[in-house]
mmCIF file of all heavy atoms, coordinates in Angstrom:
data_MODEL
# 
_entry.id   MODEL 
# 
loop_
_atom_site.group_PDB 
_atom_site.id 
_atom_site.type_symbol 
_atom_site.label_atom_id 
_atom_site.label_alt_id 
_atom_site.label_comp_id 
_atom_site.label_asym_id 
_atom_site.label_entity_id 
_atom_site.label_seq_id 
_atom_site.pdbx_PDB_ins_code 
_atom_site.Cartn_x 
_atom_site.Cartn_y 
_atom_site.Cartn_z 
_atom_site.occupancy 
_atom_site.B_iso_or_equiv 
_atom_site.pdbx_formal_charge 
_atom_site.auth_seq_id 
_atom_site.auth_comp_id 
_atom_site.auth_asym_id 
_atom_site.auth_atom_id 
_atom_site.pdbx_PDB_model_num 
ATOM 1   N N   . PRO A 1 1  ? -5.713 -19.931 -11.628 1.00 0.00 ? 1  PRO A N   1 
ATOM 2   C CA  . PRO A 1 1  ? -4.877 -18.766 -11.921 1.00 0.00 ? 1  PRO A CA  1 
ATOM 3   C C   . PRO A 1 1  ? -4.278 -18.211 -10.629 1.00 0.00 ? 1  PRO A C   1 
ATOM 4   O O   . PRO A 1 1  ? -4.888 -18.315 -9.560  1.00 0.00 ? 1  PRO A O   1 
ATOM 5   C CB  . PRO A 1 1  ? -5.845 -17.760 -12.551 1.00 0.00 ? 1  PRO A CB  1 
ATOM 6   C CG  . PRO A 1 1  ? -7.193 -18.353 -12.498 1.00 0.00 ? 1  PRO A CG  1 
ATOM 7   C CD  . PRO A 1 1  ? -7.095 -19.737 -11.969 1.00 0.00 ? 1  PRO A CD  1 
ATOM 8   N N   . MET A 1 2  ? -3.089 -17.633 -10.740 1.00 0.00 ? 2  MET A N   1 
ATOM 9   C CA  . MET A 1 2  ? -2.427 -17.127 -9.546  1.00 0.00 ? 2  MET A CA  1 
ATOM 10  C C   . MET A 1 2  ? -2.152 -15.636 -9.687  1.00 0.00 ? 2  MET A C   1 
ATOM 11  O O   . MET A 1 2  ? -1.987 -15.132 -10.791 1.00 0.00 ? 2  MET A O   1 
ATOM 12  C CB  . MET A 1 2  ? -1.122 -17.871 -9.282  1.00 0.00 ? 2  MET A CB  1 
ATOM 13  C CG  . MET A 1 2  ? -0.057 -17.659 -10.334 1.00 0.00 ? 2  MET A CG  1 
ATOM 14  S SD  . MET A 1 2  ? 1.455  -18.528 -9.979  1.00 0.00 ? 2  MET A SD  1 
ATOM 15  C CE  . MET A 1 2  ? 1.054  -20.130 -10.600 1.00 0.00 ? 2  MET A CE  1 
ATOM 16  N N   . ALA A 1 3  ? -2.113 -14.966 -8.570  1.00 0.00 ? 3  ALA A N   1 
ATOM 17  C CA  . ALA A 1 3  ? -1.809 -13.532 -8.547  1.00 0.00 ? 3  ALA A CA  1 
ATOM 18  C C   . ALA A 1 3  ? -0.315 -13.342 -8.758  1.00 0.00 ? 3  ALA A C   1 
ATOM 19  O O   . ALA A 1 3  ? 0.488  -14.196 -8.390  1.00 0.00 ? 3  ALA A O   1 
ATOM 20  C CB  . ALA A 1 3  ? -2.226 -12.936 -7.216  1.00 0.00 ? 3  ALA A CB  1 
ATOM 21  N N   . LEU A 1 4  ? 0.059  -12.212 -9.351  1.00 0.00 ? 4  LEU A N   1 
ATOM 22  C CA  . LEU A 1 4  ? 1.474  -11.909 -9.536  1.00 0.00 ? 4  LEU A CA  1 
ATOM 23  C C   . LEU A 1 4  ? 2.141  -11.546 -8.218  1.00 0.00 ? 4  LEU A C   1 
ATOM 24  O O   . LEU A 1 4  ? 3.334  -11.719 -8.061  1.00 0.00 ? 4  LEU A O   1 
ATOM 25  C CB  . LEU A 1 4  ? 1.648  -10.772 -10.540 1.00 0.00 ? 4  LEU A CB  1 
ATOM 26  C CG  . LEU A 1 4  ? 1.246  -11.110 -11.968 1.00 0.00 ? 4  LEU A CG  1 
ATOM 27  C CD1 . LEU A 1 4  ? 1.385  -9.882  -12.852 1.00 0.00 ? 4  LEU A CD1 1 
ATOM 28  C CD2 . LEU A 1 4  ? 2.091  -12.235 -12.515 1.00 0.00 ? 4  LEU A CD2 1 
ATOM 29  N N   . LEU A 1 5  ? 1.358  -11.029 -7.280  1.00 0.00 ? 5  LEU A N   1 
ATOM 30  C CA  . LEU A 1 5  ? 1.896  -10.675 -5.971  1.00 0.00 ? 5  LEU A CA  1 
ATOM 31  C C   . LEU A 1 5  ? 1.248  -11.558 -4.916  1.00 0.00 ? 5  LEU A C   1 
ATOM 32  O O   . LEU A 1 5  ? 0.045  -11.818 -4.973  1.00 0.00 ? 5  LEU A O   1 
ATOM 33  C CB  . LEU A 1 5  ? 1.590  -9.213  -5.632  1.00 0.00 ? 5  LEU A CB  1 
ATOM 34  C CG  . LEU A 1 5  ? 2.201  -8.159  -6.536  1.00 0.00 ? 5  LEU A CG  1 
ATOM 35  C CD1 . LEU A 1 5  ? 1.683  -6.784  -6.142  1.00 0.00 ? 5  LEU A CD1 1 
ATOM 36  C CD2 . LEU A 1 5  ? 3.707  -8.180  -6.443  1.00 0.00 ? 5  LEU A CD2 1 
ATOM 37  N N   . SER A 1 6  ? 2.023  -11.981 -3.944  1.00 0.00 ? 6  SER A N   1 
ATOM 38  C CA  . SER A 1 6  ? 1.457  -12.782 -2.869  1.00 0.00 ? 6  SER A CA  1 
ATOM 39  C C   . SER A 1 6  ? 0.556  -11.899 -2.011  1.00 0.00 ? 6  SER A C   1 
ATOM 40  O O   . SER A 1 6  ? 0.609  -10.673 -2.079  1.00 0.00 ? 6  SER A O   1 
ATOM 41  C CB  . SER A 1 6  ? 2.581  -13.376 -2.014  1.00 0.00 ? 6  SER A CB  1 
ATOM 42  O OG  . SER A 1 6  ? 3.225  -12.348 -1.282  1.00 0.00 ? 6  SER A OG  1 
ATOM 43  N N   . GLU A 1 7  ? -0.267 -12.537 -1.210  1.00 0.00 ? 7  GLU A N   1 
ATOM 44  C CA  . GLU A 1 7  ? -1.159 -11.777 -0.325  1.00 0.00 ? 7  GLU A CA  1 
ATOM 45  C C   . GLU A 1 7  ? -0.347 -10.884 0.608   1.00 0.00 ? 7  GLU A C   1 
ATOM 46  O O   . GLU A 1 7  ? -0.731 -9.751  0.900   1.00 0.00 ? 7  GLU A O   1 
ATOM 47  C CB  . GLU A 1 7  ? -2.033 -12.728 0.488   1.00 0.00 ? 7  GLU A CB  1 
ATOM 48  C CG  . GLU A 1 7  ? -3.111 -13.398 -0.334  1.00 0.00 ? 7  GLU A CG  1 
ATOM 49  C CD  . GLU A 1 7  ? -3.981 -14.318 0.486   1.00 0.00 ? 7  GLU A CD  1 
ATOM 50  O OE1 . GLU A 1 7  ? -4.134 -14.091 1.708   1.00 0.00 ? 7  GLU A OE1 1 
ATOM 51  O OE2 . GLU A 1 7  ? -4.509 -15.286 -0.094  1.00 0.00 ? 7  GLU A OE2 1 
ATOM 52  N N   . ARG A 1 8  ? 0.792  -11.379 1.071   1.00 0.00 ? 8  ARG A N   1 
ATOM 53  C CA  . ARG A 1 8  ? 1.647  -10.597 1.961   1.00 0.00 ? 8  ARG A CA  1 
ATOM 54  C C   . ARG A 1 8  ? 2.177  -9.353  1.244   1.00 0.00 ? 8  ARG A C   1 
ATOM 55  O O   . ARG A 1 8  ? 2.157  -8.260  1.795   1.00 0.00 ? 8  ARG A O   1 
ATOM 56  C CB  . ARG A 1 8  ? 2.801  -11.467 2.461   1.00 0.00 ? 8  ARG A CB  1 
ATOM 57  C CG  . ARG A 1 8  ? 3.655  -10.774 3.507   1.00 0.00 ? 8  ARG A CG  1 
ATOM 58  C CD  . ARG A 1 8  ? 4.736  -11.674 4.037   1.00 0.00 ? 8  ARG A CD  1 
ATOM 59  N NE  . ARG A 1 8  ? 5.773  -11.756 3.021   1.00 0.00 ? 8  ARG A NE  1 
ATOM 60  C CZ  . ARG A 1 8  ? 6.596  -12.774 2.848   1.00 0.00 ? 8  ARG A CZ  1 
ATOM 61  N NH1 . ARG A 1 8  ? 6.515  -13.806 3.625   1.00 0.00 ? 8  ARG A NH1 1 
ATOM 62  N NH2 . ARG A 1 8  ? 7.519  -12.757 1.918   1.00 0.00 ? 8  ARG A NH2 1 
ATOM 63  N N   . GLU A 1 9  ? 2.625  -9.524  -0.002  1.00 0.00 ? 9  GLU A N   1 
ATOM 64  C CA  . GLU A 1 9  ? 3.110  -8.375  -0.768  1.00 0.00 ? 9  GLU A CA  1 
ATOM 65  C C   . GLU A 1 9  ? 1.990  -7.375  -1.026  1.00 0.00 ? 9  GLU A C   1 
ATOM 66  O O   . GLU A 1 9  ? 2.202  -6.167  -0.948  1.00 0.00 ? 9  GLU A O   1 
ATOM 67  C CB  . GLU A 1 9  ? 3.696  -8.830  -2.106  1.00 0.00 ? 9  GLU A CB  1 
ATOM 68  C CG  . GLU A 1 9  ? 5.032  -9.509  -1.982  1.00 0.00 ? 9  GLU A CG  1 
ATOM 69  C CD  . GLU A 1 9  ? 5.516  -10.024 -3.328  1.00 0.00 ? 9  GLU A CD  1 
ATOM 70  O OE1 . GLU A 1 9  ? 4.757  -10.727 -4.015  1.00 0.00 ? 9  GLU A OE1 1 
ATOM 71  O OE2 . GLU A 1 9  ? 6.659  -9.692  -3.679  1.00 0.00 ? 9  GLU A OE2 1 
ATOM 72  N N   . GLN A 1 10 ? 0.799  -7.862  -1.327  1.00 0.00 ? 10 GLN A N   1 
ATOM 73  C CA  . GLN A 1 10 ? -0.332 -6.970  -1.550  1.00 0.00 ? 10 GLN A CA  1 
ATOM 74  C C   . GLN A 1 10 ? -0.657 -6.185  -0.284  1.00 0.00 ? 10 GLN A C   1 
ATOM 75  O O   . GLN A 1 10 ? -0.945 -4.985  -0.353  1.00 0.00 ? 10 GLN A O   1 
ATOM 76  C CB  . GLN A 1 10 ? -1.553 -7.769  -2.015  1.00 0.00 ? 10 GLN A CB  1 
ATOM 77  C CG  . GLN A 1 10 ? -1.409 -8.344  -3.408  1.00 0.00 ? 10 GLN A CG  1 
ATOM 78  C CD  . GLN A 1 10 ? -2.559 -9.258  -3.792  1.00 0.00 ? 10 GLN A CD  1 
ATOM 79  O OE1 . GLN A 1 10 ? -3.498 -9.452  -3.033  1.00 0.00 ? 10 GLN A OE1 1 
ATOM 80  N NE2 . GLN A 1 10 ? -2.485 -9.836  -4.980  1.00 0.00 ? 10 GLN A NE2 1 
ATOM 81  N N   . ALA A 1 11 ? -0.600 -6.854  0.882   1.00 0.00 ? 11 ALA A N   1 
ATOM 82  C CA  . ALA A 1 11 ? -0.889 -6.170  2.147   1.00 0.00 ? 11 ALA A CA  1 
ATOM 83  C C   . ALA A 1 11 ? 0.163  -5.108  2.454   1.00 0.00 ? 11 ALA A C   1 
ATOM 84  O O   . ALA A 1 11 ? -0.167 -3.997  2.884   1.00 0.00 ? 11 ALA A O   1 
ATOM 85  C CB  . ALA A 1 11 ? -0.968 -7.190  3.289   1.00 0.00 ? 11 ALA A CB  1 
ATOM 86  N N   . VAL A 1 12 ? 1.442  -5.426  2.211   1.00 0.00 ? 12 VAL A N   1 
ATOM 87  C CA  . VAL A 1 12 ? 2.517  -4.455  2.451   1.00 0.00 ? 12 VAL A CA  1 
ATOM 88  C C   . VAL A 1 12 ? 2.349  -3.254  1.537   1.00 0.00 ? 12 VAL A C   1 
ATOM 89  O O   . VAL A 1 12 ? 2.458  -2.100  1.969   1.00 0.00 ? 12 VAL A O   1 
ATOM 90  C CB  . VAL A 1 12 ? 3.907  -5.109  2.266   1.00 0.00 ? 12 VAL A CB  1 
ATOM 91  C CG1 . VAL A 1 12 ? 4.994  -4.055  2.233   1.00 0.00 ? 12 VAL A CG1 1 
ATOM 92  C CG2 . VAL A 1 12 ? 4.169  -6.116  3.370   1.00 0.00 ? 12 VAL A CG2 1 
ATOM 93  N N   . ARG A 1 13 ? 2.055  -3.505  0.270   1.00 0.00 ? 13 ARG A N   1 
ATOM 94  C CA  . ARG A 1 13 ? 1.851  -2.394  -0.666  1.00 0.00 ? 13 ARG A CA  1 
ATOM 95  C C   . ARG A 1 13 ? 0.663  -1.529  -0.253  1.00 0.00 ? 13 ARG A C   1 
ATOM 96  O O   . ARG A 1 13 ? 0.714  -0.309  -0.371  1.00 0.00 ? 13 ARG A O   1 
ATOM 97  C CB  . ARG A 1 13 ? 1.657  -2.915  -2.086  1.00 0.00 ? 13 ARG A CB  1 
ATOM 98  C CG  . ARG A 1 13 ? 2.950  -3.350  -2.715  1.00 0.00 ? 13 ARG A CG  1 
ATOM 99  C CD  . ARG A 1 13 ? 2.760  -3.682  -4.161  1.00 0.00 ? 13 ARG A CD  1 
ATOM 100 N NE  . ARG A 1 13 ? 4.025  -4.120  -4.735  1.00 0.00 ? 13 ARG A NE  1 
ATOM 101 C CZ  . ARG A 1 13 ? 4.301  -4.060  -6.008  1.00 0.00 ? 13 ARG A CZ  1 
ATOM 102 N NH1 . ARG A 1 13 ? 3.423  -3.602  -6.858  1.00 0.00 ? 13 ARG A NH1 1 
ATOM 103 N NH2 . ARG A 1 13 ? 5.471  -4.475  -6.455  1.00 0.00 ? 13 ARG A NH2 1 
ATOM 104 N N   . ALA A 1 14 ? -0.398 -2.158  0.223   1.00 0.00 ? 14 ALA A N   1 
ATOM 105 C CA  . ALA A 1 14 ? -1.572 -1.394  0.664   1.00 0.00 ? 14 ALA A CA  1 
ATOM 106 C C   . ALA A 1 14 ? -1.212 -0.505  1.857   1.00 0.00 ? 14 ALA A C   1 
ATOM 107 O O   . ALA A 1 14 ? -1.635 0.657   1.927   1.00 0.00 ? 14 ALA A O   1 
ATOM 108 C CB  . ALA A 1 14 ? -2.714 -2.342  1.024   1.00 0.00 ? 14 ALA A CB  1 
ATOM 109 N N   . MET A 1 15 ? -0.415 -1.035  2.794   1.00 0.00 ? 15 MET A N   1 
ATOM 110 C CA  . MET A 1 15 ? 0.005  -0.226  3.952   1.00 0.00 ? 15 MET A CA  1 
ATOM 111 C C   . MET A 1 15 ? 0.893  0.941   3.518   1.00 0.00 ? 15 MET A C   1 
ATOM 112 O O   . MET A 1 15 ? 0.731  2.065   3.985   1.00 0.00 ? 15 MET A O   1 
ATOM 113 C CB  . MET A 1 15 ? 0.738  -1.097  4.978   1.00 0.00 ? 15 MET A CB  1 
ATOM 114 C CG  . MET A 1 15 ? -0.172 -1.991  5.771   1.00 0.00 ? 15 MET A CG  1 
ATOM 115 S SD  . MET A 1 15 ? 0.689  -2.852  7.107   1.00 0.00 ? 15 MET A SD  1 
ATOM 116 C CE  . MET A 1 15 ? 1.447  -4.186  6.209   1.00 0.00 ? 15 MET A CE  1 
ATOM 117 N N   . LEU A 1 16 ? 1.843  0.673   2.624   1.00 0.00 ? 16 LEU A N   1 
ATOM 118 C CA  . LEU A 1 16 ? 2.716  1.742   2.141   1.00 0.00 ? 16 LEU A CA  1 
ATOM 119 C C   . LEU A 1 16 ? 1.921  2.815   1.404   1.00 0.00 ? 16 LEU A C   1 
ATOM 120 O O   . LEU A 1 16 ? 2.162  4.015   1.569   1.00 0.00 ? 16 LEU A O   1 
ATOM 121 C CB  . LEU A 1 16 ? 3.810  1.180   1.237   1.00 0.00 ? 16 LEU A CB  1 
ATOM 122 C CG  . LEU A 1 16 ? 4.851  0.303   1.923   1.00 0.00 ? 16 LEU A CG  1 
ATOM 123 C CD1 . LEU A 1 16 ? 5.779  -0.326  0.886   1.00 0.00 ? 16 LEU A CD1 1 
ATOM 124 C CD2 . LEU A 1 16 ? 5.643  1.091   2.942   1.00 0.00 ? 16 LEU A CD2 1 
ATOM 125 N N   . LYS A 1 17 ? 0.942  2.383   0.626   1.00 0.00 ? 17 LYS A N   1 
ATOM 126 C CA  . LYS A 1 17 ? 0.090  3.326   -0.086  1.00 0.00 ? 17 LYS A CA  1 
ATOM 127 C C   . LYS A 1 17 ? -0.710 4.179   0.901   1.00 0.00 ? 17 LYS A C   1 
ATOM 128 O O   . LYS A 1 17 ? -0.860 5.387   0.718   1.00 0.00 ? 17 LYS A O   1 
ATOM 129 C CB  . LYS A 1 17 ? -0.842 2.576   -1.037  1.00 0.00 ? 17 LYS A CB  1 
ATOM 130 C CG  . LYS A 1 17 ? -1.672 3.481   -1.918  1.00 0.00 ? 17 LYS A CG  1 
ATOM 131 C CD  . LYS A 1 17 ? -2.490 2.685   -2.911  1.00 0.00 ? 17 LYS A CD  1 
ATOM 132 C CE  . LYS A 1 17 ? -3.278 3.622   -3.809  1.00 0.00 ? 17 LYS A CE  1 
ATOM 133 N NZ  . LYS A 1 17 ? -4.099 2.884   -4.761  1.00 0.00 ? 17 LYS A NZ  1 
ATOM 134 N N   . ALA A 1 18 ? -1.211 3.554   1.967   1.00 0.00 ? 18 ALA A N   1 
ATOM 135 C CA  . ALA A 1 18 ? -1.972 4.284   2.982   1.00 0.00 ? 18 ALA A CA  1 
ATOM 136 C C   . ALA A 1 18 ? -1.091 5.317   3.684   1.00 0.00 ? 18 ALA A C   1 
ATOM 137 O O   . ALA A 1 18 ? -1.530 6.442   3.944   1.00 0.00 ? 18 ALA A O   1 
ATOM 138 C CB  . ALA A 1 18 ? -2.569 3.309   4.002   1.00 0.00 ? 18 ALA A CB  1 
ATOM 139 N N   . VAL A 1 19 ? 0.160  4.954   3.987   1.00 0.00 ? 19 VAL A N   1 
ATOM 140 C CA  . VAL A 1 19 ? 1.096  5.904   4.608   1.00 0.00 ? 19 VAL A CA  1 
ATOM 141 C C   . VAL A 1 19 ? 1.315  7.087   3.678   1.00 0.00 ? 19 VAL A C   1 
ATOM 142 O O   . VAL A 1 19 ? 1.241  8.248   4.095   1.00 0.00 ? 19 VAL A O   1 
ATOM 143 C CB  . VAL A 1 19 ? 2.449  5.222   4.950   1.00 0.00 ? 19 VAL A CB  1 
ATOM 144 C CG1 . VAL A 1 19 ? 3.509  6.243   5.303   1.00 0.00 ? 19 VAL A CG1 1 
ATOM 145 C CG2 . VAL A 1 19 ? 2.261  4.231   6.087   1.00 0.00 ? 19 VAL A CG2 1 
ATOM 146 N N   . ARG A 1 20 ? 1.578  6.808   2.422   1.00 0.00 ? 20 ARG A N   1 
ATOM 147 C CA  . ARG A 1 20 ? 1.814  7.867   1.438   1.00 0.00 ? 20 ARG A CA  1 
ATOM 148 C C   . ARG A 1 20 ? 0.605  8.789   1.322   1.00 0.00 ? 20 ARG A C   1 
ATOM 149 O O   . ARG A 1 20 ? 0.727  10.011  1.319   1.00 0.00 ? 20 ARG A O   1 
ATOM 150 C CB  . ARG A 1 20 ? 2.152  7.253   0.084   1.00 0.00 ? 20 ARG A CB  1 
ATOM 151 C CG  . ARG A 1 20 ? 2.511  8.274   -0.964  1.00 0.00 ? 20 ARG A CG  1 
ATOM 152 C CD  . ARG A 1 20 ? 2.928  7.580   -2.272  1.00 0.00 ? 20 ARG A CD  1 
ATOM 153 N NE  . ARG A 1 20 ? 3.364  8.517   -3.237  1.00 0.00 ? 20 ARG A NE  1 
ATOM 154 C CZ  . ARG A 1 20 ? 4.562  9.061   -3.293  1.00 0.00 ? 20 ARG A CZ  1 
ATOM 155 N NH1 . ARG A 1 20 ? 5.470  8.716   -2.414  1.00 0.00 ? 20 ARG A NH1 1 
ATOM 156 N NH2 . ARG A 1 20 ? 4.874  9.934   -4.220  1.00 0.00 ? 20 ARG A NH2 1 
ATOM 157 N N   . GLU A 1 21 ? -0.594 8.213   1.233   1.00 0.00 ? 21 GLU A N   1 
ATOM 158 C CA  . GLU A 1 21 ? -1.814 9.015   1.129   1.00 0.00 ? 21 GLU A CA  1 
ATOM 159 C C   . GLU A 1 21 ? -2.031 9.872   2.377   1.00 0.00 ? 21 GLU A C   1 
ATOM 160 O O   . GLU A 1 21 ? -2.427 11.031  2.277   1.00 0.00 ? 21 GLU A O   1 
ATOM 161 C CB  . GLU A 1 21 ? -3.025 8.123   0.873   1.00 0.00 ? 21 GLU A CB  1 
ATOM 162 C CG  . GLU A 1 21 ? -3.054 7.555   -0.525  1.00 0.00 ? 21 GLU A CG  1 
ATOM 163 C CD  . GLU A 1 21 ? -4.188 6.559   -0.755  1.00 0.00 ? 21 GLU A CD  1 
ATOM 164 O OE1 . GLU A 1 21 ? -4.954 6.257   0.192   1.00 0.00 ? 21 GLU A OE1 1 
ATOM 165 O OE2 . GLU A 1 21 ? -4.298 6.078   -1.894  1.00 0.00 ? 21 GLU A OE2 1 
ATOM 166 N N   . HIS A 1 22 ? -1.749 9.311   3.559   1.00 0.00 ? 22 HIS A N   1 
ATOM 167 C CA  . HIS A 1 22 ? -1.908 10.069  4.802   1.00 0.00 ? 22 HIS A CA  1 
ATOM 168 C C   . HIS A 1 22 ? -0.974 11.283  4.817   1.00 0.00 ? 22 HIS A C   1 
ATOM 169 O O   . HIS A 1 22 ? -1.394 12.395  5.159   1.00 0.00 ? 22 HIS A O   1 
ATOM 170 C CB  . HIS A 1 22 ? -1.623 9.171   6.016   1.00 0.00 ? 22 HIS A CB  1 
ATOM 171 C CG  . HIS A 1 22 ? -1.647 9.908   7.311   1.00 0.00 ? 22 HIS A CG  1 
ATOM 172 N ND1 . HIS A 1 22 ? -2.826 10.309  7.914   1.00 0.00 ? 22 HIS A ND1 1 
ATOM 173 C CD2 . HIS A 1 22 ? -0.639 10.357  8.103   1.00 0.00 ? 22 HIS A CD2 1 
ATOM 174 C CE1 . HIS A 1 22 ? -2.531 10.965  9.033   1.00 0.00 ? 22 HIS A CE1 1 
ATOM 175 N NE2 . HIS A 1 22 ? -1.213 11.006  9.170   1.00 0.00 ? 22 HIS A NE2 1 
ATOM 176 N N   . VAL A 1 23 ? 0.272  11.068  4.435   1.00 0.00 ? 23 VAL A N   1 
ATOM 177 C CA  . VAL A 1 23 ? 1.238  12.171  4.431   1.00 0.00 ? 23 VAL A CA  1 
ATOM 178 C C   . VAL A 1 23 ? 0.812  13.253  3.441   1.00 0.00 ? 23 VAL A C   1 
ATOM 179 O O   . VAL A 1 23 ? 0.803  14.441  3.773   1.00 0.00 ? 23 VAL A O   1 
ATOM 180 C CB  . VAL A 1 23 ? 2.670  11.666  4.109   1.00 0.00 ? 23 VAL A CB  1 
ATOM 181 C CG1 . VAL A 1 23 ? 3.616  12.819  3.846   1.00 0.00 ? 23 VAL A CG1 1 
ATOM 182 C CG2 . VAL A 1 23 ? 3.189  10.801  5.246   1.00 0.00 ? 23 VAL A CG2 1 
ATOM 183 N N   . THR A 1 24 ? 0.440  12.856  2.246   1.00 0.00 ? 24 THR A N   1 
ATOM 184 C CA  . THR A 1 24 ? 0.095  13.858  1.231   1.00 0.00 ? 24 THR A CA  1 
ATOM 185 C C   . THR A 1 24 ? -1.199 14.597  1.558   1.00 0.00 ? 24 THR A C   1 
ATOM 186 O O   . THR A 1 24 ? -1.378 15.735  1.134   1.00 0.00 ? 24 THR A O   1 
ATOM 187 C CB  . THR A 1 24 ? -0.003 13.233  -0.175  1.00 0.00 ? 24 THR A CB  1 
ATOM 188 O OG1 . THR A 1 24 ? -0.971 12.189  -0.172  1.00 0.00 ? 24 THR A OG1 1 
ATOM 189 C CG2 . THR A 1 24 ? 1.349  12.693  -0.622  1.00 0.00 ? 24 THR A CG2 1 
ATOM 190 N N   . LYS A 1 25 ? -2.076 13.982  2.351   1.00 0.00 ? 25 LYS A N   1 
ATOM 191 C CA  . LYS A 1 25 ? -3.335 14.651  2.728   1.00 0.00 ? 25 LYS A CA  1 
ATOM 192 C C   . LYS A 1 25 ? -3.175 15.554  3.948   1.00 0.00 ? 25 LYS A C   1 
ATOM 193 O O   . LYS A 1 25 ? -3.881 16.546  4.076   1.00 0.00 ? 25 LYS A O   1 
ATOM 194 C CB  . LYS A 1 25 ? -4.427 13.616  3.005   1.00 0.00 ? 25 LYS A CB  1 
ATOM 195 C CG  . LYS A 1 25 ? -4.974 12.964  1.761   1.00 0.00 ? 25 LYS A CG  1 
ATOM 196 C CD  . LYS A 1 25 ? -6.047 11.954  2.099   1.00 0.00 ? 25 LYS A CD  1 
ATOM 197 C CE  . LYS A 1 25 ? -6.534 11.249  0.843   1.00 0.00 ? 25 LYS A CE  1 
ATOM 198 N NZ  . LYS A 1 25 ? -7.489 10.182  1.147   1.00 0.00 ? 25 LYS A NZ  1 
ATOM 199 N N   . THR A 1 26 ? -2.271 15.198  4.857   1.00 0.00 ? 26 THR A N   1 
ATOM 200 C CA  . THR A 1 26 ? -2.199 15.917  6.130   1.00 0.00 ? 26 THR A CA  1 
ATOM 201 C C   . THR A 1 26 ? -1.003 16.846  6.269   1.00 0.00 ? 26 THR A C   1 
ATOM 202 O O   . THR A 1 26 ? -0.957 17.627  7.219   1.00 0.00 ? 26 THR A O   1 
ATOM 203 C CB  . THR A 1 26 ? -2.191 14.922  7.312   1.00 0.00 ? 26 THR A CB  1 
ATOM 204 O OG1 . THR A 1 26 ? -1.031 14.078  7.200   1.00 0.00 ? 26 THR A OG1 1 
ATOM 205 C CG2 . THR A 1 26 ? -3.450 14.072  7.323   1.00 0.00 ? 26 THR A CG2 1 
ATOM 206 N N   . ALA A 1 27 ? -0.041 16.774  5.360   1.00 0.00 ? 27 ALA A N   1 
ATOM 207 C CA  . ALA A 1 27 ? 1.159  17.603  5.463   1.00 0.00 ? 27 ALA A CA  1 
ATOM 208 C C   . ALA A 1 27 ? 1.181  18.636  4.333   1.00 0.00 ? 27 ALA A C   1 
ATOM 209 O O   . ALA A 1 27 ? 0.510  18.477  3.320   1.00 0.00 ? 27 ALA A O   1 
ATOM 210 C CB  . ALA A 1 27 ? 2.412  16.727  5.412   1.00 0.00 ? 27 ALA A CB  1 
ATOM 211 N N   . ASP A 1 28 ? 1.969  19.698  4.534   1.00 0.00 ? 28 ASP A N   1 
ATOM 212 C CA  . ASP A 1 28 ? 2.127  20.743  3.527   1.00 0.00 ? 28 ASP A CA  1 
ATOM 213 C C   . ASP A 1 28 ? 3.235  20.355  2.555   1.00 0.00 ? 28 ASP A C   1 
ATOM 214 O O   . ASP A 1 28 ? 4.333  19.989  2.979   1.00 0.00 ? 28 ASP A O   1 
ATOM 215 C CB  . ASP A 1 28 ? 2.498  22.075  4.177   1.00 0.00 ? 28 ASP A CB  1 
ATOM 216 C CG  . ASP A 1 28 ? 1.393  22.628  5.057   1.00 0.00 ? 28 ASP A CG  1 
ATOM 217 O OD1 . ASP A 1 28 ? 0.213  22.347  4.774   1.00 0.00 ? 28 ASP A OD1 1 
ATOM 218 O OD2 . ASP A 1 28 ? 1.718  23.346  6.026   1.00 0.00 ? 28 ASP A OD2 1 
# 
């Protein structure tokens, strides 16, 4: 079975999610 997203896409999405979470936690 194969993933719908490549490992590279999953890593990019994880980084973007981390950026979003950091902004929403640390900014007003």
